[in-house]
Protein backbone atom coordinates (compact mmCIF):
# COMPACT_ATOMS: atom_id res chain seq x y z
CA MET A 1 150.82 137.04 280.53
CA SER A 2 153.45 136.99 277.25
CA LYS A 3 152.09 138.13 274.10
CA PRO A 4 152.64 136.15 270.99
CA ASN A 5 154.94 139.52 269.86
CA ASP A 6 156.35 139.56 273.34
CA PHE A 7 157.71 136.42 272.33
CA LEU A 8 158.96 136.70 269.28
CA ASN A 9 160.93 140.19 270.25
CA ASP A 10 162.53 137.48 273.10
CA PHE A 11 163.88 134.68 270.29
CA HIS A 12 164.95 137.54 267.81
CA TRP A 13 166.99 138.90 270.75
CA LEU A 14 168.14 135.78 271.86
CA MET A 15 168.99 134.81 268.36
CA ASP A 16 171.15 137.82 267.86
CA VAL A 17 173.21 137.14 271.17
CA LEU A 18 174.16 133.53 269.87
CA ARG A 19 174.88 134.70 266.46
CA SER A 20 177.43 137.90 268.18
CA ILE A 21 178.78 135.72 271.02
CA ASP A 22 182.55 135.14 270.92
CA VAL A 23 182.63 131.28 270.79
CA GLY A 24 181.31 128.86 267.63
CA LEU A 25 177.81 127.84 267.76
CA VAL A 26 176.18 124.91 265.63
CA ILE A 27 173.04 122.99 266.15
CA LEU A 28 172.58 120.02 264.56
CA ASP A 29 170.07 117.56 263.82
CA LYS A 30 170.07 113.97 263.78
CA GLU A 31 170.98 113.46 260.11
CA PHE A 32 173.61 115.50 261.54
CA ARG A 33 172.64 118.70 258.83
CA ILE A 34 173.45 122.22 260.21
CA GLU A 35 170.75 124.19 261.37
CA VAL A 36 172.46 126.89 263.21
CA TRP A 37 175.65 128.30 262.08
CA ASN A 38 176.41 131.43 263.91
CA SER A 39 178.80 134.32 263.10
CA PHE A 40 181.80 133.36 264.89
CA MET A 41 181.80 130.14 262.30
CA GLN A 42 180.91 132.20 259.26
CA ASN A 43 183.91 134.29 260.52
CA HIS A 44 186.41 131.21 260.40
CA SER A 45 184.93 129.29 258.36
CA VAL A 46 184.37 131.86 255.55
CA LEU A 47 181.38 130.25 254.99
CA ARG A 48 177.92 132.01 255.21
CA PRO A 49 174.49 130.15 257.01
CA GLU A 50 173.00 130.28 253.31
CA ASP A 51 175.96 128.19 252.02
CA VAL A 52 175.79 125.45 255.11
CA LEU A 53 172.33 125.44 256.35
CA ASN A 54 170.62 121.67 255.60
CA GLN A 55 173.96 120.44 254.62
CA VAL A 56 175.40 117.50 256.45
CA ILE A 57 178.47 118.89 258.36
CA PHE A 58 181.07 116.08 257.22
CA GLU A 59 180.55 117.00 253.29
CA GLN A 60 181.43 120.51 254.35
CA PHE A 61 184.04 120.01 256.64
CA PRO A 62 186.04 116.75 255.29
CA GLU A 63 188.71 116.98 257.61
CA LEU A 64 186.26 116.12 260.64
CA PRO A 65 186.66 112.80 262.17
CA GLU A 66 183.32 111.54 260.99
CA ALA A 67 184.07 108.08 262.46
CA TRP A 68 184.98 109.92 266.05
CA PHE A 69 182.40 112.34 265.91
CA ARG A 70 179.40 110.45 264.99
CA ARG A 71 180.44 107.96 268.43
CA LYS A 72 180.63 111.16 270.32
CA ALA A 73 177.82 112.70 269.10
CA GLN A 74 175.65 109.60 269.58
CA SER A 75 176.21 108.80 273.34
CA VAL A 76 174.90 112.68 273.44
CA PHE A 77 171.81 112.31 271.68
CA ASP A 78 171.09 108.42 273.28
CA LEU A 79 172.13 109.74 276.77
CA GLN A 80 171.07 112.68 276.75
CA ILE A 81 174.04 114.25 278.58
CA SER A 82 176.99 116.56 277.24
CA ALA A 83 179.81 115.30 276.27
CA PHE A 84 183.16 117.66 275.91
CA THR A 85 186.54 117.50 274.32
CA THR A 86 189.95 119.23 274.79
CA TRP A 87 192.78 120.33 272.73
CA GLU A 88 194.73 118.39 274.65
CA GLN A 89 192.67 115.52 273.52
CA ARG A 90 192.26 116.75 269.80
CA PRO A 91 194.01 120.26 268.74
CA TYR A 92 190.80 121.42 266.50
CA LEU A 93 187.27 120.02 265.25
CA PHE A 94 187.15 122.91 262.87
CA ARG A 95 190.67 123.61 261.23
CA PHE A 96 190.14 127.70 261.62
CA GLN A 97 193.41 129.58 260.75
CA ASN A 98 194.98 131.48 263.56
CA TYR A 99 194.79 135.60 263.22
CA ARG A 100 195.66 136.86 266.79
CA PRO A 101 199.07 138.38 266.98
CA ILE A 102 199.98 137.45 270.34
CA THR A 103 199.41 133.83 269.26
CA SER A 104 200.98 133.98 265.70
CA LEU A 105 203.31 130.44 266.60
CA ALA A 106 199.92 128.27 266.03
CA ASP A 107 199.32 128.17 262.43
CA PHE A 108 195.61 127.19 263.80
CA MET A 109 192.71 127.83 266.03
CA TYR A 110 193.06 125.58 269.08
CA GLN A 111 190.13 124.50 270.36
CA ASN A 112 188.21 123.42 273.29
CA CYS A 113 184.51 121.77 272.48
CA THR A 114 181.18 120.95 274.06
CA LEU A 115 178.60 118.66 272.52
CA ILE A 116 174.89 119.60 274.20
CA PRO A 117 171.87 117.49 274.17
CA LEU A 118 168.90 119.99 272.94
CA LYS A 119 165.20 118.39 274.36
CA ASN A 120 162.26 119.45 272.38
CA ALA A 121 158.55 119.71 273.51
CA THR A 122 158.20 116.19 274.48
CA GLY A 123 161.74 115.82 276.08
CA ASP A 124 162.84 113.84 273.32
CA VAL A 125 167.08 114.76 272.32
CA GLU A 126 166.09 115.47 268.11
CA HIS A 127 169.10 117.77 267.98
CA ILE A 128 172.63 118.56 269.55
CA CYS A 129 174.57 122.06 270.16
CA LEU A 130 177.96 122.26 269.43
CA ILE A 131 180.03 125.25 271.18
CA ILE A 132 183.47 125.55 269.99
CA TYR A 133 185.70 127.58 272.46
CA ASP A 134 188.97 129.43 270.90
CA VAL A 135 191.72 128.30 273.49
CA THR A 136 194.69 129.19 271.23
CA GLU A 137 196.43 131.85 273.56
CA VAL A 138 196.15 128.97 276.51
CA ALA A 139 197.30 126.35 274.33
CA VAL A 140 200.28 127.98 273.17
CA ASN A 141 201.33 129.31 276.47
CA ARG A 142 201.00 125.34 277.54
CA ILE A 143 202.79 124.04 274.83
CA GLN A 144 205.75 126.68 275.01
CA ILE A 145 206.08 126.22 279.47
CA GLN A 146 205.89 122.35 278.42
CA ALA A 147 208.94 122.83 276.02
CA ALA A 148 210.82 125.09 278.10
CA ASN A 149 210.38 122.62 280.82
CA ALA A 150 211.42 119.85 278.84
CA LYS A 151 214.27 121.92 277.56
CA LEU A 152 215.31 122.72 281.08
CA HIS A 153 215.04 119.04 282.09
CA GLU A 154 217.56 117.72 279.22
CA LEU A 155 219.68 120.31 280.01
CA SER A 156 219.81 119.64 283.46
CA ARG A 157 220.73 115.52 282.30
CA THR A 158 223.53 116.64 279.40
CA ASP A 159 226.77 118.11 278.95
CA GLY A 160 226.74 121.49 277.21
CA LEU A 161 229.75 120.89 275.47
CA THR A 162 229.02 117.27 273.87
CA SER A 163 225.43 116.64 274.53
CA LEU A 164 226.41 113.44 275.97
CA LEU A 165 224.79 112.80 279.68
CA ASN A 166 226.45 114.36 282.29
CA ARG A 167 227.91 112.66 284.95
CA LYS A 168 225.87 112.54 287.75
CA THR A 169 223.08 111.09 285.33
CA TRP A 170 225.09 108.76 283.68
CA GLU A 171 226.00 107.64 287.42
CA MET A 172 222.58 107.51 287.91
CA GLU A 173 222.07 105.08 284.73
CA LEU A 174 224.79 103.21 285.52
CA ASP A 175 223.11 102.73 288.87
CA GLU A 176 220.56 101.48 287.07
CA GLU A 177 222.30 99.03 284.90
CA TYR A 178 223.86 97.43 288.02
CA ARG A 179 220.77 96.78 289.60
CA ARG A 180 219.08 95.20 286.79
CA PHE A 181 222.50 93.34 286.39
CA SER A 182 221.67 92.00 289.70
CA ARG A 183 218.41 90.64 288.57
CA TYR A 184 218.61 89.43 285.39
CA HIS A 185 222.70 88.71 284.83
CA HIS A 186 223.13 89.66 281.15
CA SER A 187 226.07 90.54 279.95
CA THR A 188 226.57 94.52 280.35
CA SER A 189 230.58 95.98 279.61
CA LEU A 190 231.91 99.42 280.75
CA ILE A 191 234.38 101.32 278.38
CA MET A 192 236.34 104.20 279.94
CA PHE A 193 238.44 106.42 277.81
CA ASP A 194 240.42 109.60 277.43
CA ILE A 195 241.87 111.83 275.13
CA ASP A 196 245.83 110.81 275.12
CA HIS A 197 248.18 113.91 275.92
CA PHE A 198 245.21 115.97 275.78
CA LYS A 199 246.84 118.75 278.14
CA ALA A 200 249.46 118.88 275.70
CA ILE A 201 246.44 119.78 273.09
CA ASN A 202 245.15 122.63 275.78
CA ASP A 203 248.63 123.83 276.07
CA ASN A 204 249.83 124.09 272.39
CA TYR A 205 246.62 124.91 270.70
CA GLY A 206 244.55 126.74 273.78
CA HIS A 207 241.41 125.73 275.49
CA PRO A 208 238.66 126.48 272.76
CA ALA A 209 240.72 124.08 270.27
CA GLY A 210 241.05 121.59 273.13
CA ASP A 211 237.10 122.06 273.39
CA GLU A 212 236.56 121.21 269.46
CA VAL A 213 238.66 118.26 269.74
CA ILE A 214 236.49 116.79 272.81
CA ARG A 215 233.19 117.67 270.51
CA GLU A 216 234.71 115.72 267.67
CA THR A 217 235.07 112.60 269.98
CA ALA A 218 231.98 112.54 271.38
CA ARG A 219 230.41 112.69 267.40
CA ILE A 220 232.52 110.12 266.81
CA LEU A 221 231.32 108.11 269.89
CA LYS A 222 227.17 108.45 269.22
CA GLU A 223 228.05 107.85 265.53
CA ASN A 224 229.23 104.19 267.17
CA LEU A 225 226.59 103.45 269.69
CA ARG A 226 223.13 102.19 269.68
CA GLU A 227 220.25 104.04 270.94
CA ILE A 228 220.15 101.65 274.18
CA ASP A 229 223.67 102.08 274.95
CA ILE A 230 224.34 104.83 277.82
CA ALA A 231 227.39 107.45 277.00
CA GLY A 232 228.49 110.15 279.08
CA ARG A 233 231.30 112.84 279.44
CA TYR A 234 232.81 111.35 282.79
CA GLY A 235 234.91 114.83 283.32
CA GLY A 236 237.39 116.87 281.27
CA GLU A 237 238.47 114.77 278.48
CA GLU A 238 237.56 111.04 280.08
CA PHE A 239 234.17 109.65 278.74
CA ALA A 240 232.36 106.65 279.20
CA VAL A 241 229.55 103.99 277.89
CA VAL A 242 227.46 101.34 279.09
CA LEU A 243 227.03 98.79 276.38
CA VAL A 244 224.08 96.84 277.43
CA ASN A 245 223.66 93.05 276.41
CA THR A 246 227.68 93.12 275.29
CA ASN A 247 230.22 91.10 276.75
CA ALA A 248 234.05 92.21 276.79
CA GLU A 249 235.00 91.28 273.41
CA GLY A 250 231.90 92.61 271.76
CA ALA A 251 232.62 95.99 273.82
CA GLN A 252 236.47 95.55 272.44
CA THR A 253 235.09 95.38 268.95
CA VAL A 254 233.05 98.59 269.51
CA ALA A 255 236.30 100.36 271.28
CA GLU A 256 238.72 99.47 268.30
CA ARG A 257 236.09 101.10 266.23
CA ILE A 258 236.07 104.31 268.10
CA ARG A 259 239.54 104.35 268.12
CA THR A 260 240.60 103.37 264.38
CA GLN A 261 237.69 106.37 263.69
CA VAL A 262 239.38 109.02 266.14
CA ALA A 263 242.94 108.29 264.83
CA ALA A 264 242.12 108.84 261.47
CA SER A 265 240.01 111.93 262.25
CA THR A 266 241.49 115.48 261.72
CA VAL A 267 240.13 118.56 264.11
CA PHE A 268 240.13 121.93 262.38
CA TYR A 269 239.97 125.04 264.61
CA GLU A 270 240.06 128.51 262.59
CA ASP A 271 244.04 127.84 260.96
CA LEU A 272 245.08 124.88 263.25
CA SER A 273 244.40 120.48 261.78
CA MET A 274 244.92 118.71 264.92
CA ASN A 275 245.30 114.73 265.25
CA TYR A 276 244.94 113.25 267.91
CA THR A 277 244.58 109.52 269.94
CA ILE A 278 242.59 107.81 272.41
CA SER A 279 243.09 104.95 274.86
CA LEU A 280 240.39 102.82 276.67
CA GLY A 281 239.98 100.77 279.20
CA ILE A 282 237.01 97.62 279.41
CA ALA A 283 235.24 95.75 282.11
CA GLU A 284 232.09 93.44 282.31
CA LEU A 285 230.44 93.14 284.82
CA SER A 286 230.42 89.86 286.73
CA SER A 287 228.49 88.76 289.99
CA SER A 288 232.44 89.26 291.87
CA MET A 289 231.95 93.25 291.36
CA SER A 290 230.32 93.88 294.64
CA ASP A 291 228.59 97.57 293.50
CA LYS A 292 228.78 100.15 290.54
CA THR A 293 231.93 101.99 292.06
CA GLN A 294 234.31 98.71 292.02
CA TRP A 295 232.98 98.35 288.13
CA ILE A 296 234.48 101.63 287.37
CA ASP A 297 237.46 100.69 289.19
CA CYS A 298 237.87 97.68 286.91
CA ALA A 299 237.39 99.94 283.49
CA ASP A 300 239.74 102.50 285.34
CA LYS A 301 242.26 99.74 285.60
CA ALA A 302 242.03 98.78 282.44
CA LEU A 303 242.62 102.45 280.55
CA TYR A 304 245.67 102.34 283.13
CA GLN A 305 247.11 99.53 281.53
CA ALA A 306 246.21 100.39 278.31
CA LYS A 307 247.60 104.22 278.83
CA HIS A 308 251.12 102.36 279.95
CA GLY A 309 251.20 100.08 277.08
CA GLY A 310 251.94 102.83 274.61
CA ARG A 311 248.25 104.47 274.55
CA ASN A 312 246.20 104.25 270.92
CA ASN A 313 245.10 101.46 272.43
CA SER A 314 242.21 99.03 273.80
CA VAL A 315 242.56 96.75 277.14
CA ILE A 316 239.66 94.37 278.39
CA PHE A 317 240.18 94.06 282.66
CA LEU A 318 241.41 90.48 283.08
CA GLY A 319 240.82 90.63 287.14
CA SER A 320 243.80 91.36 289.77
């Protein structure tokens, strides 16, 4: 049979363990007063137990979302089951600074939290135990991986020189817009355009200068589009853009705005200054077009007419 002194020794031993474990441990009563505050919490909050014991936790930590935490804790008191929150749901419960060099990219400690009901001798839950786990290293690694994957996904979709959609992705978006038209028959137009005499630019000034002209063209294009429009680099010096909910006349207004801005711009590269123009073909999608390829062909035909009409202009496809 255990002696009272044995029990006290065991209790003090247990308390020493709880104070020194590398997780935060807080015990709260039903009034949310702090009754246990271990070394982890002291070290990271810079608040000693005597500073916080018997104090309401929300008064000591106003950044703690009180309404949310009360609901979470009340379910533990009432249902007598544990509750959990992860850093992905809420980055932290207590905003502690992060001091670990390996995770220096984080300004604060990411935390997982567990709320455990503590039953008294009669089986009632008068207290809950809050356990705080430092998961900053896991969180930072996960965030970096997610960011890298997002970057790779973006790189796989975009053209490296212009940041417009690459041809493969643009054609997938074009196909989706064609299918949407088949269902809803809303006005949608396609503009295909390229840089006039681009080969001469490359031959006279070099390919790096030509790349700068392409970048400037893409910049002007993006300036004149809405978020819903779908722009891509079709290949070389050729660009393509789908104007959603836009008829041919509206598309030509956009095309002319792009054309005049390009014609008025000057591209500087090293000690060179270059002026250039573009030609544009426009095709409004119609039920007579059997697929997206025919839609592109119609815009290409209009572009061909613009080229042979003297360049630096825009032409609407009017049918063969």
